[in-house]
mmCIF file of all heavy atoms, coordinates in Angstrom:
data_MODEL
# 
_entry.id   MODEL 
# 
loop_
_atom_site.group_PDB 
_atom_site.id 
_atom_site.type_symbol 
_atom_site.label_atom_id 
_atom_site.label_alt_id 
_atom_site.label_comp_id 
_atom_site.label_asym_id 
_atom_site.label_entity_id 
_atom_site.label_seq_id 
_atom_site.pdbx_PDB_ins_code 
_atom_site.Cartn_x 
_atom_site.Cartn_y 
_atom_site.Cartn_z 
_atom_site.occupancy 
_atom_site.B_iso_or_equiv 
_atom_site.pdbx_formal_charge 
_atom_site.auth_seq_id 
_atom_site.auth_comp_id 
_atom_site.auth_asym_id 
_atom_site.auth_atom_id 
_atom_site.pdbx_PDB_model_num 
ATOM 1   N N   . THR A 1 1  ? 96.858  99.898  104.398 1.00 0.00 ? 1  THR A N   1 
ATOM 2   C CA  . THR A 1 1  ? 97.125  100.344 105.763 1.00 0.00 ? 1  THR A CA  1 
ATOM 3   C C   . THR A 1 1  ? 98.623  100.561 105.949 1.00 0.00 ? 1  THR A C   1 
ATOM 4   O O   . THR A 1 1  ? 99.440  99.986  105.236 1.00 0.00 ? 1  THR A O   1 
ATOM 5   C CB  . THR A 1 1  ? 96.609  99.358  106.825 1.00 0.00 ? 1  THR A CB  1 
ATOM 6   O OG1 . THR A 1 1  ? 97.209  98.078  106.631 1.00 0.00 ? 1  THR A OG1 1 
ATOM 7   C CG2 . THR A 1 1  ? 95.096  99.237  106.754 1.00 0.00 ? 1  THR A CG2 1 
ATOM 8   N N   . PHE A 1 2  ? 98.970  101.388 106.937 1.00 0.00 ? 2  PHE A N   1 
ATOM 9   C CA  . PHE A 1 2  ? 100.339 101.860 107.123 1.00 0.00 ? 2  PHE A CA  1 
ATOM 10  C C   . PHE A 1 2  ? 100.684 101.815 108.601 1.00 0.00 ? 2  PHE A C   1 
ATOM 11  O O   . PHE A 1 2  ? 99.965  102.383 109.429 1.00 0.00 ? 2  PHE A O   1 
ATOM 12  C CB  . PHE A 1 2  ? 100.423 103.292 106.584 1.00 0.00 ? 2  PHE A CB  1 
ATOM 13  C CG  . PHE A 1 2  ? 101.767 103.956 106.754 1.00 0.00 ? 2  PHE A CG  1 
ATOM 14  C CD1 . PHE A 1 2  ? 102.949 103.264 106.578 1.00 0.00 ? 2  PHE A CD1 1 
ATOM 15  C CD2 . PHE A 1 2  ? 101.835 105.307 107.084 1.00 0.00 ? 2  PHE A CD2 1 
ATOM 16  C CE1 . PHE A 1 2  ? 104.179 103.890 106.723 1.00 0.00 ? 2  PHE A CE1 1 
ATOM 17  C CE2 . PHE A 1 2  ? 103.054 105.947 107.224 1.00 0.00 ? 2  PHE A CE2 1 
ATOM 18  C CZ  . PHE A 1 2  ? 104.234 105.229 107.047 1.00 0.00 ? 2  PHE A CZ  1 
ATOM 19  N N   . ALA A 1 3  ? 101.760 101.120 108.937 1.00 0.00 ? 3  ALA A N   1 
ATOM 20  C CA  . ALA A 1 3  ? 102.282 101.109 110.305 1.00 0.00 ? 3  ALA A CA  1 
ATOM 21  C C   . ALA A 1 3  ? 103.582 101.909 110.292 1.00 0.00 ? 3  ALA A C   1 
ATOM 22  O O   . ALA A 1 3  ? 104.621 101.401 109.868 1.00 0.00 ? 3  ALA A O   1 
ATOM 23  C CB  . ALA A 1 3  ? 102.525 99.683  110.782 1.00 0.00 ? 3  ALA A CB  1 
ATOM 24  N N   . PRO A 1 4  ? 103.551 103.162 110.757 1.00 0.00 ? 4  PRO A N   1 
ATOM 25  C CA  . PRO A 1 4  ? 104.738 104.017 110.679 1.00 0.00 ? 4  PRO A CA  1 
ATOM 26  C C   . PRO A 1 4  ? 105.787 103.646 111.710 1.00 0.00 ? 4  PRO A C   1 
ATOM 27  O O   . PRO A 1 4  ? 105.520 102.921 112.672 1.00 0.00 ? 4  PRO A O   1 
ATOM 28  C CB  . PRO A 1 4  ? 104.182 105.418 110.942 1.00 0.00 ? 4  PRO A CB  1 
ATOM 29  C CG  . PRO A 1 4  ? 102.984 105.176 111.793 1.00 0.00 ? 4  PRO A CG  1 
ATOM 30  C CD  . PRO A 1 4  ? 102.402 103.865 111.325 1.00 0.00 ? 4  PRO A CD  1 
ATOM 31  N N   . GLN A 1 5  ? 106.987 104.159 111.507 1.00 0.00 ? 5  GLN A N   1 
ATOM 32  C CA  . GLN A 1 5  ? 108.059 103.936 112.470 1.00 0.00 ? 5  GLN A CA  1 
ATOM 33  C C   . GLN A 1 5  ? 107.884 104.862 113.670 1.00 0.00 ? 5  GLN A C   1 
ATOM 34  O O   . GLN A 1 5  ? 107.084 105.778 113.655 1.00 0.00 ? 5  GLN A O   1 
ATOM 35  C CB  . GLN A 1 5  ? 109.424 104.191 111.817 1.00 0.00 ? 5  GLN A CB  1 
ATOM 36  C CG  . GLN A 1 5  ? 109.646 105.619 111.371 1.00 0.00 ? 5  GLN A CG  1 
ATOM 37  C CD  . GLN A 1 5  ? 111.082 105.873 110.925 1.00 0.00 ? 5  GLN A CD  1 
ATOM 38  O OE1 . GLN A 1 5  ? 111.901 106.319 111.718 1.00 0.00 ? 5  GLN A OE1 1 
ATOM 39  N NE2 . GLN A 1 5  ? 111.370 105.614 109.663 1.00 0.00 ? 5  GLN A NE2 1 
ATOM 40  N N   . GLY A 1 6  ? 108.661 104.603 114.711 1.00 0.00 ? 6  GLY A N   1 
ATOM 41  C CA  . GLY A 1 6  ? 108.654 105.503 115.869 1.00 0.00 ? 6  GLY A CA  1 
ATOM 42  C C   . GLY A 1 6  ? 107.523 105.184 116.819 1.00 0.00 ? 6  GLY A C   1 
ATOM 43  O O   . GLY A 1 6  ? 107.445 104.096 117.372 1.00 0.00 ? 6  GLY A O   1 
ATOM 44  N N   . ASN A 1 7  ? 106.615 106.134 116.991 1.00 0.00 ? 7  ASN A N   1 
ATOM 45  C CA  . ASN A 1 7  ? 105.504 105.963 117.946 1.00 0.00 ? 7  ASN A CA  1 
ATOM 46  C C   . ASN A 1 7  ? 104.510 104.955 117.386 1.00 0.00 ? 7  ASN A C   1 
ATOM 47  O O   . ASN A 1 7  ? 103.580 105.318 116.681 1.00 0.00 ? 7  ASN A O   1 
ATOM 48  C CB  . ASN A 1 7  ? 104.831 107.314 118.221 1.00 0.00 ? 7  ASN A CB  1 
ATOM 49  C CG  . ASN A 1 7  ? 105.777 108.284 118.893 1.00 0.00 ? 7  ASN A CG  1 
ATOM 50  O OD1 . ASN A 1 7  ? 106.625 107.890 119.689 1.00 0.00 ? 7  ASN A OD1 1 
ATOM 51  N ND2 . ASN A 1 7  ? 105.659 109.562 118.572 1.00 0.00 ? 7  ASN A ND2 1 
ATOM 52  N N   . ARG A 1 8  ? 104.689 103.716 117.746 1.00 0.00 ? 8  ARG A N   1 
ATOM 53  C CA  . ARG A 1 8  ? 103.912 102.641 117.123 1.00 0.00 ? 8  ARG A CA  1 
ATOM 54  C C   . ARG A 1 8  ? 102.519 102.504 117.722 1.00 0.00 ? 8  ARG A C   1 
ATOM 55  O O   . ARG A 1 8  ? 101.625 101.991 117.082 1.00 0.00 ? 8  ARG A O   1 
ATOM 56  C CB  . ARG A 1 8  ? 104.663 101.314 117.276 1.00 0.00 ? 8  ARG A CB  1 
ATOM 57  C CG  . ARG A 1 8  ? 106.083 101.345 116.750 1.00 0.00 ? 8  ARG A CG  1 
ATOM 58  C CD  . ARG A 1 8  ? 106.715 99.970  116.886 1.00 0.00 ? 8  ARG A CD  1 
ATOM 59  N NE  . ARG A 1 8  ? 108.104 99.973  116.458 1.00 0.00 ? 8  ARG A NE  1 
ATOM 60  C CZ  . ARG A 1 8  ? 109.139 100.050 117.268 1.00 0.00 ? 8  ARG A CZ  1 
ATOM 61  N NH1 . ARG A 1 8  ? 108.942 100.134 118.566 1.00 0.00 ? 8  ARG A NH1 1 
ATOM 62  N NH2 . ARG A 1 8  ? 110.366 100.036 116.803 1.00 0.00 ? 8  ARG A NH2 1 
ATOM 63  N N   . VAL A 1 9  ? 102.344 102.891 118.984 1.00 0.00 ? 9  VAL A N   1 
ATOM 64  C CA  . VAL A 1 9  ? 101.066 102.697 119.657 1.00 0.00 ? 9  VAL A CA  1 
ATOM 65  C C   . VAL A 1 9  ? 100.644 103.988 120.349 1.00 0.00 ? 9  VAL A C   1 
ATOM 66  O O   . VAL A 1 9  ? 101.439 104.900 120.551 1.00 0.00 ? 9  VAL A O   1 
ATOM 67  C CB  . VAL A 1 9  ? 101.157 101.566 120.710 1.00 0.00 ? 9  VAL A CB  1 
ATOM 68  C CG1 . VAL A 1 9  ? 101.520 100.249 120.042 1.00 0.00 ? 9  VAL A CG1 1 
ATOM 69  C CG2 . VAL A 1 9  ? 102.159 101.913 121.802 1.00 0.00 ? 9  VAL A CG2 1 
ATOM 70  N N   . PHE A 1 10 ? 99.355  104.036 120.713 1.00 0.00 ? 10 PHE A N   1 
ATOM 71  C CA  . PHE A 1 10 ? 98.861  105.115 121.571 1.00 0.00 ? 10 PHE A CA  1 
ATOM 72  C C   . PHE A 1 10 ? 99.139  104.669 123.001 1.00 0.00 ? 10 PHE A C   1 
ATOM 73  O O   . PHE A 1 10 ? 98.414  103.846 123.563 1.00 0.00 ? 10 PHE A O   1 
ATOM 74  C CB  . PHE A 1 10 ? 97.383  105.358 121.322 1.00 0.00 ? 10 PHE A CB  1 
ATOM 75  C CG  . PHE A 1 10 ? 97.094  105.843 119.927 1.00 0.00 ? 10 PHE A CG  1 
ATOM 76  C CD1 . PHE A 1 10 ? 96.705  104.953 118.934 1.00 0.00 ? 10 PHE A CD1 1 
ATOM 77  C CD2 . PHE A 1 10 ? 97.236  107.188 119.596 1.00 0.00 ? 10 PHE A CD2 1 
ATOM 78  C CE1 . PHE A 1 10 ? 96.445  105.397 117.648 1.00 0.00 ? 10 PHE A CE1 1 
ATOM 79  C CE2 . PHE A 1 10 ? 96.987  107.636 118.318 1.00 0.00 ? 10 PHE A CE2 1 
ATOM 80  C CZ  . PHE A 1 10 ? 96.590  106.741 117.330 1.00 0.00 ? 10 PHE A CZ  1 
ATOM 81  N N   . ALA A 1 11 ? 100.203 105.225 123.580 1.00 0.00 ? 11 ALA A N   1 
ATOM 82  C CA  . ALA A 1 11 ? 100.763 104.685 124.822 1.00 0.00 ? 11 ALA A CA  1 
ATOM 83  C C   . ALA A 1 11 ? 99.796  104.756 125.998 1.00 0.00 ? 11 ALA A C   1 
ATOM 84  O O   . ALA A 1 11 ? 99.829  103.898 126.883 1.00 0.00 ? 11 ALA A O   1 
ATOM 85  C CB  . ALA A 1 11 ? 102.055 105.424 125.163 1.00 0.00 ? 11 ALA A CB  1 
ATOM 86  N N   . ASP A 1 12 ? 98.934  105.766 126.051 1.00 0.00 ? 12 ASP A N   1 
ATOM 87  C CA  . ASP A 1 12 ? 98.038  105.938 127.190 1.00 0.00 ? 12 ASP A CA  1 
ATOM 88  C C   . ASP A 1 12 ? 96.749  105.128 127.064 1.00 0.00 ? 12 ASP A C   1 
ATOM 89  O O   . ASP A 1 12 ? 95.944  105.099 128.002 1.00 0.00 ? 12 ASP A O   1 
ATOM 90  C CB  . ASP A 1 12 ? 97.696  107.416 127.368 1.00 0.00 ? 12 ASP A CB  1 
ATOM 91  C CG  . ASP A 1 12 ? 98.911  108.248 127.751 1.00 0.00 ? 12 ASP A CG  1 
ATOM 92  O OD1 . ASP A 1 12 ? 99.837  107.679 128.355 1.00 0.00 ? 12 ASP A OD1 1 
ATOM 93  O OD2 . ASP A 1 12 ? 98.945  109.454 127.436 1.00 0.00 ? 12 ASP A OD2 1 
ATOM 94  N N   . LEU A 1 13 ? 96.545  104.496 125.934 1.00 0.00 ? 13 LEU A N   1 
ATOM 95  C CA  . LEU A 1 13 ? 95.347  103.689 125.726 1.00 0.00 ? 13 LEU A CA  1 
ATOM 96  C C   . LEU A 1 13 ? 95.668  102.215 125.943 1.00 0.00 ? 13 LEU A C   1 
ATOM 97  O O   . LEU A 1 13 ? 96.816  101.792 125.846 1.00 0.00 ? 13 LEU A O   1 
ATOM 98  C CB  . LEU A 1 13 ? 94.801  103.894 124.304 1.00 0.00 ? 13 LEU A CB  1 
ATOM 99  C CG  . LEU A 1 13 ? 94.431  105.326 123.913 1.00 0.00 ? 13 LEU A CG  1 
ATOM 100 C CD1 . LEU A 1 13 ? 93.874  105.357 122.500 1.00 0.00 ? 13 LEU A CD1 1 
ATOM 101 C CD2 . LEU A 1 13 ? 93.431  105.933 124.891 1.00 0.00 ? 13 LEU A CD2 1 
ATOM 102 N N   . THR A 1 14 ? 94.652  101.429 126.203 1.00 0.00 ? 14 THR A N   1 
ATOM 103 C CA  . THR A 1 14 ? 94.857  99.999  126.367 1.00 0.00 ? 14 THR A CA  1 
ATOM 104 C C   . THR A 1 14 ? 95.113  99.349  124.999 1.00 0.00 ? 14 THR A C   1 
ATOM 105 O O   . THR A 1 14 ? 94.884  99.958  123.945 1.00 0.00 ? 14 THR A O   1 
ATOM 106 C CB  . THR A 1 14 ? 93.633  99.332  127.007 1.00 0.00 ? 14 THR A CB  1 
ATOM 107 O OG1 . THR A 1 14 ? 92.523  99.431  126.097 1.00 0.00 ? 14 THR A OG1 1 
ATOM 108 C CG2 . THR A 1 14 ? 93.277  99.984  128.332 1.00 0.00 ? 14 THR A CG2 1 
ATOM 109 N N   . VAL A 1 15 ? 95.551  98.105  125.059 1.00 0.00 ? 15 VAL A N   1 
ATOM 110 C CA  . VAL A 1 15 ? 95.743  97.345  123.825 1.00 0.00 ? 15 VAL A CA  1 
ATOM 111 C C   . VAL A 1 15 ? 94.435  97.276  123.041 1.00 0.00 ? 15 VAL A C   1 
ATOM 112 O O   . VAL A 1 15 ? 94.402  97.503  121.827 1.00 0.00 ? 15 VAL A O   1 
ATOM 113 C CB  . VAL A 1 15 ? 96.268  95.936  124.143 1.00 0.00 ? 15 VAL A CB  1 
ATOM 114 C CG1 . VAL A 1 15 ? 96.224  95.042  122.909 1.00 0.00 ? 15 VAL A CG1 1 
ATOM 115 C CG2 . VAL A 1 15 ? 97.682  96.002  124.696 1.00 0.00 ? 15 VAL A CG2 1 
ATOM 116 N N   . MET A 1 16 ? 93.335  96.984  123.722 1.00 0.00 ? 16 MET A N   1 
ATOM 117 C CA  . MET A 1 16 ? 92.043  96.894  123.047 1.00 0.00 ? 16 MET A CA  1 
ATOM 118 C C   . MET A 1 16 ? 91.653  98.229  122.420 1.00 0.00 ? 16 MET A C   1 
ATOM 119 O O   . MET A 1 16 ? 91.144  98.273  121.286 1.00 0.00 ? 16 MET A O   1 
ATOM 120 C CB  . MET A 1 16 ? 90.963  96.421  124.021 1.00 0.00 ? 16 MET A CB  1 
ATOM 121 C CG  . MET A 1 16 ? 89.572  96.313  123.392 1.00 0.00 ? 16 MET A CG  1 
ATOM 122 S SD  . MET A 1 16 ? 89.517  95.184  121.965 1.00 0.00 ? 16 MET A SD  1 
ATOM 123 C CE  . MET A 1 16 ? 89.654  93.597  122.797 1.00 0.00 ? 16 MET A CE  1 
ATOM 124 N N   . GLU A 1 17 ? 91.864  99.312  123.129 1.00 0.00 ? 17 GLU A N   1 
ATOM 125 C CA  . GLU A 1 17 ? 91.521  100.627 122.575 1.00 0.00 ? 17 GLU A CA  1 
ATOM 126 C C   . GLU A 1 17 ? 92.362  100.944 121.343 1.00 0.00 ? 17 GLU A C   1 
ATOM 127 O O   . GLU A 1 17 ? 91.868  101.551 120.389 1.00 0.00 ? 17 GLU A O   1 
ATOM 128 C CB  . GLU A 1 17 ? 91.696  101.696 123.648 1.00 0.00 ? 17 GLU A CB  1 
ATOM 129 C CG  . GLU A 1 17 ? 90.621  101.640 124.724 1.00 0.00 ? 17 GLU A CG  1 
ATOM 130 C CD  . GLU A 1 17 ? 90.953  102.497 125.938 1.00 0.00 ? 17 GLU A CD  1 
ATOM 131 O OE1 . GLU A 1 17 ? 92.157  102.809 126.157 1.00 0.00 ? 17 GLU A OE1 1 
ATOM 132 O OE2 . GLU A 1 17 ? 90.022  102.843 126.688 1.00 0.00 ? 17 GLU A OE2 1 
ATOM 133 N N   . ASN A 1 18 ? 93.625  100.537 121.346 1.00 0.00 ? 18 ASN A N   1 
ATOM 134 C CA  . ASN A 1 18 ? 94.455  100.701 120.151 1.00 0.00 ? 18 ASN A CA  1 
ATOM 135 C C   . ASN A 1 18 ? 93.864  99.939  118.974 1.00 0.00 ? 18 ASN A C   1 
ATOM 136 O O   . ASN A 1 18 ? 93.815  100.465 117.848 1.00 0.00 ? 18 ASN A O   1 
ATOM 137 C CB  . ASN A 1 18 ? 95.874  100.208 120.425 1.00 0.00 ? 18 ASN A CB  1 
ATOM 138 C CG  . ASN A 1 18 ? 96.795  101.283 120.959 1.00 0.00 ? 18 ASN A CG  1 
ATOM 139 O OD1 . ASN A 1 18 ? 97.482  101.971 120.207 1.00 0.00 ? 18 ASN A OD1 1 
ATOM 140 N ND2 . ASN A 1 18 ? 96.809  101.463 122.283 1.00 0.00 ? 18 ASN A ND2 1 
ATOM 141 N N   . LEU A 1 19 ? 93.422  98.720  119.223 1.00 0.00 ? 19 LEU A N   1 
ATOM 142 C CA  . LEU A 1 19 ? 92.849  97.919  118.144 1.00 0.00 ? 19 LEU A CA  1 
ATOM 143 C C   . LEU A 1 19 ? 91.516  98.495  117.677 1.00 0.00 ? 19 LEU A C   1 
ATOM 144 O O   . LEU A 1 19 ? 91.194  98.452  116.479 1.00 0.00 ? 19 LEU A O   1 
ATOM 145 C CB  . LEU A 1 19 ? 92.669  96.474  118.605 1.00 0.00 ? 19 LEU A CB  1 
ATOM 146 C CG  . LEU A 1 19 ? 93.953  95.743  119.003 1.00 0.00 ? 19 LEU A CG  1 
ATOM 147 C CD1 . LEU A 1 19 ? 93.637  94.310  119.420 1.00 0.00 ? 19 LEU A CD1 1 
ATOM 148 C CD2 . LEU A 1 19 ? 94.980  95.761  117.885 1.00 0.00 ? 19 LEU A CD2 1 
ATOM 149 N N   . GLU A 1 20 ? 90.751  99.042  118.601 1.00 0.00 ? 20 GLU A N   1 
ATOM 150 C CA  . GLU A 1 20 ? 89.470  99.645  118.222 1.00 0.00 ? 20 GLU A CA  1 
ATOM 151 C C   . GLU A 1 20 ? 89.675  100.850 117.319 1.00 0.00 ? 20 GLU A C   1 
ATOM 152 O O   . GLU A 1 20 ? 88.848  101.124 116.435 1.00 0.00 ? 20 GLU A O   1 
ATOM 153 C CB  . GLU A 1 20 ? 88.694  100.036 119.480 1.00 0.00 ? 20 GLU A CB  1 
ATOM 154 C CG  . GLU A 1 20 ? 88.140  98.838  120.237 1.00 0.00 ? 20 GLU A CG  1 
ATOM 155 C CD  . GLU A 1 20 ? 87.549  99.197  121.591 1.00 0.00 ? 20 GLU A CD  1 
ATOM 156 O OE1 . GLU A 1 20 ? 87.808  100.335 122.062 1.00 0.00 ? 20 GLU A OE1 1 
ATOM 157 O OE2 . GLU A 1 20 ? 86.849  98.356  122.179 1.00 0.00 ? 20 GLU A OE2 1 
ATOM 158 N N   . ILE A 1 21 ? 90.772  101.568 117.513 1.00 0.00 ? 21 ILE A N   1 
ATOM 159 C CA  . ILE A 1 21 ? 91.079  102.685 116.614 1.00 0.00 ? 21 ILE A CA  1 
ATOM 160 C C   . ILE A 1 21 ? 91.291  102.165 115.193 1.00 0.00 ? 21 ILE A C   1 
ATOM 161 O O   . ILE A 1 21 ? 90.859  102.784 114.208 1.00 0.00 ? 21 ILE A O   1 
ATOM 162 C CB  . ILE A 1 21 ? 92.320  103.454 117.113 1.00 0.00 ? 21 ILE A CB  1 
ATOM 163 C CG1 . ILE A 1 21 ? 91.948  104.246 118.366 1.00 0.00 ? 21 ILE A CG1 1 
ATOM 164 C CG2 . ILE A 1 21 ? 92.885  104.382 116.029 1.00 0.00 ? 21 ILE A CG2 1 
ATOM 165 C CD1 . ILE A 1 21 ? 93.119  104.918 119.040 1.00 0.00 ? 21 ILE A CD1 1 
ATOM 166 N N   . GLY A 1 22 ? 91.953  101.002 115.068 1.00 0.00 ? 22 GLY A N   1 
ATOM 167 C CA  . GLY A 1 22 ? 92.118  100.407 113.748 1.00 0.00 ? 22 GLY A CA  1 
ATOM 168 C C   . GLY A 1 22 ? 90.801  100.048 113.090 1.00 0.00 ? 22 GLY A C   1 
ATOM 169 O O   . GLY A 1 22 ? 90.692  100.045 111.862 1.00 0.00 ? 22 GLY A O   1 
ATOM 170 N N   . GLY A 1 23 ? 89.791  99.769  113.901 1.00 0.00 ? 23 GLY A N   1 
ATOM 171 C CA  . GLY A 1 23 ? 88.499  99.369  113.355 1.00 0.00 ? 23 GLY A CA  1 
ATOM 172 C C   . GLY A 1 23 ? 87.479  100.473 113.250 1.00 0.00 ? 23 GLY A C   1 
ATOM 173 O O   . GLY A 1 23 ? 86.318  100.208 112.915 1.00 0.00 ? 23 GLY A O   1 
ATOM 174 N N   . TYR A 1 24 ? 87.895  101.717 113.466 1.00 0.00 ? 24 TYR A N   1 
ATOM 175 C CA  . TYR A 1 24 ? 86.898  102.805 113.486 1.00 0.00 ? 24 TYR A CA  1 
ATOM 176 C C   . TYR A 1 24 ? 86.140  102.977 112.175 1.00 0.00 ? 24 TYR A C   1 
ATOM 177 O O   . TYR A 1 24 ? 84.962  103.375 112.193 1.00 0.00 ? 24 TYR A O   1 
ATOM 178 C CB  . TYR A 1 24 ? 87.555  104.132 113.892 1.00 0.00 ? 24 TYR A CB  1 
ATOM 179 C CG  . TYR A 1 24 ? 88.192  104.906 112.769 1.00 0.00 ? 24 TYR A CG  1 
ATOM 180 C CD1 . TYR A 1 24 ? 87.473  105.855 112.046 1.00 0.00 ? 24 TYR A CD1 1 
ATOM 181 C CD2 . TYR A 1 24 ? 89.518  104.680 112.406 1.00 0.00 ? 24 TYR A CD2 1 
ATOM 182 C CE1 . TYR A 1 24 ? 88.058  106.542 110.993 1.00 0.00 ? 24 TYR A CE1 1 
ATOM 183 C CE2 . TYR A 1 24 ? 90.098  105.361 111.369 1.00 0.00 ? 24 TYR A CE2 1 
ATOM 184 C CZ  . TYR A 1 24 ? 89.369  106.298 110.659 1.00 0.00 ? 24 TYR A CZ  1 
ATOM 185 O OH  . TYR A 1 24 ? 89.943  106.972 109.621 1.00 0.00 ? 24 TYR A OH  1 
# 
């Protein structure tokens, strides 16, 4: 897995939705 620099999160989504993207 890769956590890139810069835009670290999907800003318009909730924390949970960001984590759900990781689990897709």
